[in-house]
Amino acid sequence: MDLNFQTENELDVKTYDIDAAGHVNNIVYVRWLEDLRNMLFKKMFDFNNVLTKGYYPVVVSTNIKYKKQLKMFDTPLGNIKLVDYNHGIMNLKIEIKLNDNIAASAEQKCVLINLKTSKMISQKELVELMTNKVS
């Protein structure tokens, strides 16, 4: 069973995304990561079921490298994929490109937290949630 999840989406540059220097503000990239991650998780899980079970996705680390500035009227493409998962930690890789040139790359580590226990779910539970979405 293939549990290699990936999705991509065109990203919108809004007028309020532009800072005083005339390019997309760095915080906008964080918002785009959030948007892409939500799209990916909807592919990975029955998200309603995850929330009903009392689980919630939490980002435990983010590392972004800004490589090329984006400006108003640019139409970047965001790609996110699940690289691997180990001990219940999901490792995600994200690229934001403009015309096949990488504008930013990022890595995130995410977990699902059991809201009742405030602990992350196990590897076994994570795989079961992903498997139920696939089957």
Protein backbone atom coordinates (compact mmCIF):
# COMPACT_ATOMS: atom_id res chain seq x y z
CA MET A 1 0.00 0.00 0.00
CA ASP A 2 1.41 3.36 -1.06
CA LEU A 3 1.34 5.91 1.75
CA ASN A 4 3.37 8.51 -0.13
CA PHE A 5 1.09 11.51 -0.11
CA GLN A 6 1.70 14.67 -2.11
CA THR A 7 -0.27 17.64 -3.40
CA GLU A 8 0.38 20.90 -5.18
CA ASN A 9 -1.58 24.07 -5.61
CA GLU A 10 -1.25 27.46 -7.24
CA LEU A 11 -0.69 30.14 -4.59
CA ASP A 12 -2.21 33.61 -4.72
CA VAL A 13 -0.17 36.73 -4.03
CA LYS A 14 -2.53 39.29 -2.51
CA THR A 15 -1.94 43.03 -2.29
CA TYR A 16 -1.68 42.76 1.50
CA ASP A 17 1.07 40.10 1.13
CA ILE A 18 3.50 42.70 -0.22
CA ASP A 19 5.79 44.45 2.28
CA ALA A 20 7.55 47.83 2.13
CA ALA A 21 10.40 46.32 0.08
CA GLY A 22 7.93 45.42 -2.68
CA HIS A 23 8.07 41.64 -2.32
CA VAL A 24 6.05 38.95 -0.57
CA ASN A 25 6.58 39.19 3.19
CA ASN A 26 8.22 36.17 4.82
CA ILE A 27 5.22 35.51 7.07
CA VAL A 28 3.10 34.86 3.95
CA TYR A 29 5.20 31.78 3.24
CA VAL A 30 4.24 30.42 6.66
CA ARG A 31 0.55 30.93 5.79
CA TRP A 32 1.10 29.14 2.48
CA LEU A 33 2.74 26.23 4.35
CA GLU A 34 -0.37 26.04 6.53
CA ASP A 35 -2.67 26.04 3.49
CA LEU A 36 -0.64 23.36 1.72
CA ARG A 37 -0.40 21.22 4.85
CA ASN A 38 -4.18 21.34 5.32
CA MET A 39 -4.65 20.19 1.71
CA LEU A 40 -2.18 17.36 2.25
CA PHE A 41 -3.80 16.23 5.51
CA LYS A 42 -7.20 16.10 3.79
CA LYS A 43 -5.65 13.63 1.34
CA MET A 44 -3.93 11.66 4.08
CA PHE A 45 -6.76 11.33 6.59
CA ASP A 46 -10.50 11.39 6.97
CA PHE A 47 -10.01 14.73 8.71
CA ASN A 48 -13.47 14.76 10.29
CA ASN A 49 -12.72 11.33 11.79
CA VAL A 50 -9.35 12.57 13.12
CA LEU A 51 -11.02 15.49 14.90
CA THR A 52 -13.89 13.32 16.16
CA LYS A 53 -11.33 10.99 17.77
CA GLY A 54 -9.97 14.01 19.63
CA TYR A 55 -6.74 14.26 17.64
CA TYR A 56 -5.33 17.51 16.35
CA PRO A 57 -2.37 18.18 14.02
CA VAL A 58 0.50 20.14 15.56
CA VAL A 59 3.59 21.52 13.85
CA VAL A 60 6.62 20.82 16.04
CA SER A 61 9.23 22.44 13.79
CA THR A 62 9.51 24.51 10.62
CA ASN A 63 12.64 25.37 8.67
CA ILE A 64 12.29 27.71 5.68
CA LYS A 65 14.95 28.76 3.20
CA TYR A 66 14.08 31.82 1.13
CA LYS A 67 15.83 31.66 -2.24
CA LYS A 68 14.08 34.03 -4.66
CA GLN A 69 11.79 36.93 -3.94
CA LEU A 70 8.20 36.84 -5.13
CA LYS A 71 6.31 39.95 -6.17
CA MET A 72 2.82 41.13 -6.93
CA PHE A 73 1.26 39.35 -9.93
CA ASP A 74 3.60 36.35 -9.58
CA THR A 75 1.80 33.00 -9.60
CA PRO A 76 3.88 30.60 -7.53
CA LEU A 77 3.17 26.89 -7.31
CA GLY A 78 3.37 25.15 -3.95
CA ASN A 79 4.17 21.45 -3.62
CA ILE A 80 4.09 19.50 -0.37
CA LYS A 81 4.78 15.85 0.25
CA LEU A 82 5.04 13.42 3.09
CA VAL A 83 8.69 12.36 2.95
CA ASP A 84 8.44 9.82 5.76
CA TYR A 85 6.98 9.17 9.18
CA ASN A 86 8.80 7.69 12.12
CA HIS A 87 7.67 7.19 15.72
CA GLY A 88 4.47 9.08 14.86
CA ILE A 89 6.33 12.12 13.51
CA MET A 90 5.45 13.15 9.96
CA ASN A 91 8.29 14.74 7.97
CA LEU A 92 7.07 17.06 5.25
CA LYS A 93 8.97 18.71 2.40
CA ILE A 94 7.61 21.82 0.75
CA GLU A 95 8.76 23.74 -2.32
CA ILE A 96 7.36 27.00 -3.61
CA LYS A 97 8.36 27.58 -7.22
CA LEU A 98 7.96 30.30 -9.78
CA ASN A 99 8.49 29.24 -13.39
CA ASP A 100 10.33 26.07 -12.27
CA ASN A 101 12.71 28.11 -10.09
CA ILE A 102 12.61 27.44 -6.35
CA ALA A 103 11.55 30.59 -4.50
CA ALA A 104 11.48 28.89 -1.09
CA SER A 105 11.92 25.43 0.35
CA ALA A 106 10.81 24.22 3.75
CA GLU A 107 10.76 21.19 5.99
CA GLN A 108 8.23 20.59 8.71
CA LYS A 109 7.78 17.99 11.41
CA CYS A 110 4.19 17.40 12.47
CA VAL A 111 2.41 15.11 14.88
CA LEU A 112 -1.17 14.33 15.78
CA ILE A 113 -1.87 15.14 19.43
CA ASN A 114 -4.51 13.38 21.49
CA LEU A 115 -6.28 16.36 23.05
CA LYS A 116 -7.39 14.33 26.10
CA THR A 117 -3.92 13.13 27.04
CA SER A 118 -1.88 15.97 25.48
CA LYS A 119 0.40 13.32 23.99
CA MET A 120 1.18 12.53 20.39
CA ILE A 121 -0.41 9.44 18.90
CA SER A 122 1.67 6.36 18.18
CA GLN A 123 3.15 5.28 14.87
CA LYS A 124 0.60 2.46 14.76
CA GLU A 125 -2.35 4.85 15.21
CA LEU A 126 -0.93 7.20 12.58
CA VAL A 127 -0.59 4.42 10.01
CA GLU A 128 -4.12 3.18 10.79
CA LEU A 129 -5.53 6.66 10.16
CA MET A 130 -3.67 6.94 6.85
CA THR A 131 -4.57 3.38 5.83
CA ASN A 132 -8.27 3.97 6.51
CA LYS A 133 -8.17 6.99 4.19
CA VAL A 134 -6.48 4.96 1.43
CA SER A 135 -8.75 1.92 1.62
